[in-house]
Protein backbone atom coordinates (compact mmCIF):
# COMPACT_ATOMS: atom_id res chain seq x y z
CA MET A 1 37.95 -38.46 16.11
CA ASN A 2 41.17 -36.82 17.20
CA TYR A 3 42.44 -36.49 13.65
CA LEU A 4 39.84 -33.75 13.15
CA LYS A 5 41.36 -31.80 16.02
CA ASN A 6 44.91 -32.10 14.74
CA SER A 7 45.61 -33.72 11.41
CA GLY A 8 49.34 -33.55 11.99
CA ASP A 9 50.42 -31.42 9.03
CA LEU A 10 50.93 -27.96 10.50
CA THR A 11 52.04 -26.27 7.29
CA SER A 12 49.25 -24.55 5.40
CA HIS A 13 48.56 -26.28 2.10
CA LEU A 14 49.48 -24.55 -1.13
CA GLY A 15 46.96 -22.24 -2.77
CA GLY A 16 44.71 -21.64 0.24
CA MET A 17 41.40 -23.43 0.59
CA LEU A 18 40.39 -26.07 -1.90
CA SER A 19 37.19 -25.91 -3.90
CA PRO A 20 35.04 -29.03 -3.59
CA PRO A 21 35.77 -31.38 -6.50
CA ASN A 22 33.11 -33.40 -8.26
CA PRO A 23 33.13 -37.10 -7.35
CA VAL A 24 35.10 -39.16 -9.87
CA ARG A 25 33.00 -42.27 -9.28
CA ARG A 26 29.32 -42.87 -8.72
CA ILE A 27 28.38 -45.19 -5.88
CA PRO A 28 26.07 -47.88 -7.27
CA ILE A 29 22.98 -49.17 -5.50
CA SER A 30 23.94 -52.44 -3.85
CA THR A 31 21.99 -55.34 -2.38
CA ARG A 32 25.09 -56.64 -0.57
CA SER A 33 26.12 -53.52 1.35
CA ILE A 34 24.58 -50.43 2.93
CA THR A 35 24.43 -47.50 0.51
CA GLY A 36 22.90 -44.05 0.75
CA ASN A 37 23.97 -40.45 1.28
CA VAL A 38 24.63 -37.96 4.04
CA ASP A 39 24.17 -34.30 3.13
CA GLY A 40 24.29 -35.24 -0.54
CA GLN A 41 27.47 -37.33 -0.34
CA GLY A 42 27.20 -41.04 -1.03
CA PHE A 43 28.44 -43.89 1.15
CA GLU A 44 28.71 -47.62 0.49
CA SER A 45 29.14 -49.03 3.98
CA ALA A 46 27.78 -48.37 7.45
CA LEU A 47 31.26 -47.31 8.54
CA GLU A 48 31.50 -44.69 5.79
CA ARG A 49 28.04 -43.44 6.78
CA ASP A 50 29.19 -43.07 10.38
CA LEU A 51 32.20 -41.01 9.33
CA LEU A 52 30.10 -38.74 7.10
CA MET A 53 27.65 -38.09 9.93
CA GLN A 54 30.52 -36.86 12.10
CA LEU A 55 31.92 -34.71 9.31
CA ALA A 56 28.47 -33.19 8.69
CA TRP A 57 28.18 -32.42 12.40
CA ASP A 58 31.66 -30.90 12.78
CA GLU A 59 31.55 -27.13 12.26
CA ASP A 60 35.31 -27.00 11.68
CA VAL A 61 34.73 -28.86 8.41
CA ALA A 62 34.10 -26.54 5.46
CA TRP A 63 33.05 -29.40 3.16
CA PHE A 64 33.62 -33.06 2.41
CA VAL A 65 33.33 -34.98 -0.85
CA THR A 66 33.17 -38.72 -1.34
CA GLN A 67 34.98 -40.54 -4.16
CA PRO A 68 37.00 -37.35 -4.73
CA VAL A 69 40.07 -38.34 -6.78
CA LYS A 70 41.41 -41.21 -8.87
CA ILE A 71 45.02 -42.16 -8.12
CA PRO A 72 47.02 -44.44 -10.45
CA TYR A 73 49.21 -47.11 -8.91
CA GLU A 74 51.37 -49.98 -10.15
CA PHE A 75 50.54 -53.64 -9.64
CA PRO A 76 53.20 -56.26 -10.43
CA ARG A 77 52.83 -58.03 -13.80
CA LYS A 78 49.48 -56.38 -14.48
CA ARG A 79 48.26 -53.23 -16.16
CA PRO A 80 48.41 -50.00 -14.14
CA ARG A 81 45.44 -49.64 -11.89
CA SER A 82 43.67 -46.72 -10.23
CA TYR A 83 42.51 -46.22 -6.67
CA THR A 84 39.74 -43.92 -5.42
CA PRO A 85 39.91 -43.04 -1.70
CA ASP A 86 36.63 -42.59 0.12
CA VAL A 87 36.51 -38.99 1.35
CA LEU A 88 38.32 -35.66 0.96
CA VAL A 89 37.84 -33.22 3.85
CA GLU A 90 38.59 -29.49 3.83
CA PHE A 91 38.48 -27.36 6.96
CA ASP A 92 36.99 -23.91 7.49
CA SER A 93 39.65 -21.32 6.70
CA ALA A 94 39.00 -19.40 9.93
CA LEU A 95 39.11 -22.55 12.08
CA ARG A 96 41.74 -24.62 10.32
CA ASN A 97 44.45 -24.02 12.95
CA GLY A 98 47.12 -25.30 10.57
CA ARG A 99 45.23 -28.43 9.53
CA THR A 100 45.65 -29.50 5.95
CA PRO A 101 43.03 -31.28 3.83
CA LEU A 102 42.49 -34.92 4.72
CA LEU A 103 42.16 -37.68 2.17
CA CYS A 104 40.48 -40.56 3.99
CA GLU A 105 40.21 -44.27 3.38
CA VAL A 106 37.53 -46.04 5.43
CA LYS A 107 37.98 -49.75 6.05
CA TYR A 108 36.95 -52.29 8.65
CA ARG A 109 39.92 -53.79 10.49
CA SER A 110 39.06 -57.26 9.20
CA GLU A 111 39.18 -56.03 5.61
CA LEU A 112 42.50 -54.29 6.17
CA ALA A 113 44.01 -57.49 7.54
CA LYS A 114 42.57 -59.69 4.82
CA ASN A 115 43.58 -57.51 1.84
CA TRP A 116 46.64 -55.71 3.20
CA LYS A 117 49.02 -56.99 0.51
CA GLU A 118 47.14 -55.20 -2.26
CA LEU A 119 45.81 -52.32 -0.17
CA LYS A 120 49.27 -51.17 0.90
CA ARG A 121 50.14 -50.45 -2.75
CA LYS A 122 47.09 -48.24 -3.01
CA PHE A 123 47.87 -46.51 0.25
CA ARG A 124 51.47 -45.79 -0.71
CA ALA A 125 50.24 -44.21 -3.93
CA ALA A 126 47.76 -42.12 -1.92
CA GLN A 127 50.50 -40.99 0.48
CA ALA A 128 52.68 -39.88 -2.44
CA TYR A 129 49.71 -38.11 -4.04
CA CYS A 130 49.03 -36.22 -0.80
CA ARG A 131 52.68 -35.26 -0.25
CA GLU A 132 52.70 -33.55 -3.65
CA ARG A 133 49.69 -31.44 -2.59
CA ASN A 134 50.58 -30.96 1.07
CA TRP A 135 47.54 -32.93 2.15
CA ARG A 136 47.41 -35.77 4.65
CA PHE A 137 46.27 -39.32 3.98
CA VAL A 138 44.57 -41.23 6.82
CA ILE A 139 43.19 -44.75 7.14
CA LEU A 140 40.15 -44.90 9.43
CA ASP A 141 38.69 -48.07 10.91
CA GLU A 142 35.83 -48.75 13.30
CA ARG A 143 38.00 -48.05 16.36
CA SER A 144 38.72 -44.49 15.20
CA ILE A 145 35.20 -43.74 13.92
CA ARG A 146 32.79 -45.43 16.31
CA SER A 147 32.78 -43.59 19.61
CA ILE A 148 30.54 -42.00 22.22
CA LYS A 149 30.56 -38.86 20.08
CA LEU A 150 29.15 -40.82 17.15
CA SER A 151 26.43 -42.35 19.35
CA ASN A 152 25.41 -38.86 20.48
CA ILE A 153 25.29 -37.58 16.91
CA GLN A 154 23.23 -40.58 15.82
CA PHE A 155 20.74 -39.87 18.62
CA LEU A 156 20.39 -36.19 17.68
CA TRP A 157 20.40 -36.81 13.91
CA ARG A 158 16.65 -37.50 13.77
CA TYR A 159 15.96 -34.05 15.25
CA ARG A 160 18.09 -32.03 12.78
CA GLY A 161 15.88 -29.40 11.14
CA ALA A 162 12.72 -30.89 12.63
CA PRO A 163 9.69 -28.63 13.20
CA TYR A 164 9.15 -27.29 16.70
CA ASP A 165 7.16 -24.74 18.68
CA LYS A 166 9.15 -21.50 18.51
CA ASP A 167 7.59 -19.96 21.61
CA LEU A 168 8.36 -23.08 23.59
CA ALA A 169 11.92 -23.06 22.26
CA ILE A 170 12.38 -19.48 23.45
CA ALA A 171 11.05 -20.42 26.89
CA LEU A 172 13.43 -23.40 27.19
CA LEU A 173 16.41 -21.31 26.11
CA GLN A 174 15.51 -18.60 28.62
CA ILE A 175 15.36 -21.19 31.41
CA LEU A 176 18.79 -22.48 30.40
CA GLN A 177 20.24 -19.00 30.19
CA LEU A 178 18.94 -17.92 33.58
CA SER A 179 20.16 -21.12 35.22
CA GLY A 180 23.65 -20.88 33.76
CA GLY A 181 23.45 -24.59 32.96
CA MET A 182 20.90 -27.30 33.59
CA THR A 183 20.16 -30.91 32.80
CA MET A 184 17.65 -31.69 30.10
CA GLN A 185 15.27 -33.18 32.67
CA ALA A 186 15.46 -30.16 34.98
CA CYS A 187 14.90 -27.74 32.10
CA VAL A 188 11.84 -29.62 30.86
CA ASP A 189 10.50 -29.88 34.43
CA ALA A 190 10.88 -26.12 34.86
CA ALA A 191 9.10 -25.41 31.58
CA CYS A 192 6.21 -27.74 32.45
CA SER A 193 5.88 -26.20 35.92
CA ALA A 194 5.60 -22.74 34.38
CA SER A 195 2.79 -23.77 32.01
CA VAL A 196 0.05 -26.19 33.06
CA ASP A 197 -1.03 -26.57 29.42
CA LEU A 198 2.40 -27.68 28.22
CA LYS A 199 2.71 -31.35 27.32
CA ARG A 200 5.91 -32.92 28.55
CA ASP A 201 6.47 -34.85 25.32
CA GLN A 202 6.32 -31.60 23.36
CA ALA A 203 8.89 -29.97 25.66
CA ILE A 204 11.24 -32.95 25.35
CA TRP A 205 10.96 -32.96 21.55
CA THR A 206 11.67 -29.23 21.36
CA PHE A 207 14.65 -29.53 23.69
CA TRP A 208 16.27 -32.21 21.51
CA VAL A 209 15.65 -30.17 18.36
CA LEU A 210 17.45 -27.23 19.98
CA ALA A 211 20.38 -29.51 20.81
CA ALA A 212 20.46 -30.95 17.29
CA ASP A 213 20.32 -27.46 15.77
CA ARG A 214 23.27 -26.40 17.96
CA LYS A 215 21.36 -23.82 19.99
CA THR A 216 22.70 -25.48 23.13
CA GLU A 217 25.96 -27.20 23.98
CA PHE A 218 27.06 -30.19 26.04
CA ASP A 219 30.06 -32.46 26.39
CA ILE A 220 29.68 -34.51 23.21
CA ASP A 221 32.27 -37.03 24.37
CA THR A 222 30.06 -38.24 27.22
CA PRO A 223 26.79 -40.15 26.70
CA ILE A 224 23.79 -37.90 26.13
CA GLY A 225 20.66 -38.37 28.22
CA ILE A 226 18.12 -36.74 30.47
CA ASN A 227 20.81 -35.96 33.07
CA THR A 228 23.28 -34.41 30.62
CA LEU A 229 24.24 -30.85 31.54
CA PHE A 230 23.41 -28.29 28.83
CA HIS A 231 24.31 -24.62 28.39
CA ILE A 232 23.24 -21.89 26.02
CA ARG A 233 25.60 -21.85 23.08
CA SER A 234 27.21 -18.54 22.13
CA VAL A 235 28.72 -17.60 18.78
CA SER A 236 32.23 -17.87 20.23
CA ASP A 237 31.57 -21.53 21.09
CA LYS A 238 31.99 -22.47 17.44
CA ASN A 239 35.73 -22.82 17.99
CA ALA A 240 35.25 -25.21 20.91
């Protein structure tokens, strides 16, 4: 998602960092669409869920809130209406690099095409709302959200915070450190060769937990697998 690397507005927003607002709307349980939450923030479509997973993974993001603000807008010959965008994103103050907060609307391309006549009124109101606050408004569809990076995050998601053998984790990290970089398969092979009692499945599990917990690094924009090259992750890598 390139918009996370450079949101376009290079002027710092007024008042420094935002504080996370409370959602202005509760997401109801639905039998017609996918609902749930990621890191405590609700979603009401698979596409919204996919965006939230990437935001939760991205260390440049200080916080994100769903259903963050209610924006009034005019509709011809009808009472004034209000519009609630999907997500507000704030970036870490030390890593912002000039990026302003992002107010995001998440829509499938088919829905944008079908309902554009009404949606564009909402979006114009959101753009005006953001200009007043020096934020940026973005519309995100499946082409901008669903990527190799997302597939990698989805694979690692199941391992986030999972239990693992700490001694084995230390051994795997030492192998990686001494090698200067190694594929997952080579690292597991080396660990199993060093200990006849080590079960391969246990080593593989622990390796993926280390990757999910950001103890190692790899090129997240290429498909993850047993032949992916991994390195030990240093503190300075947080800006990468």
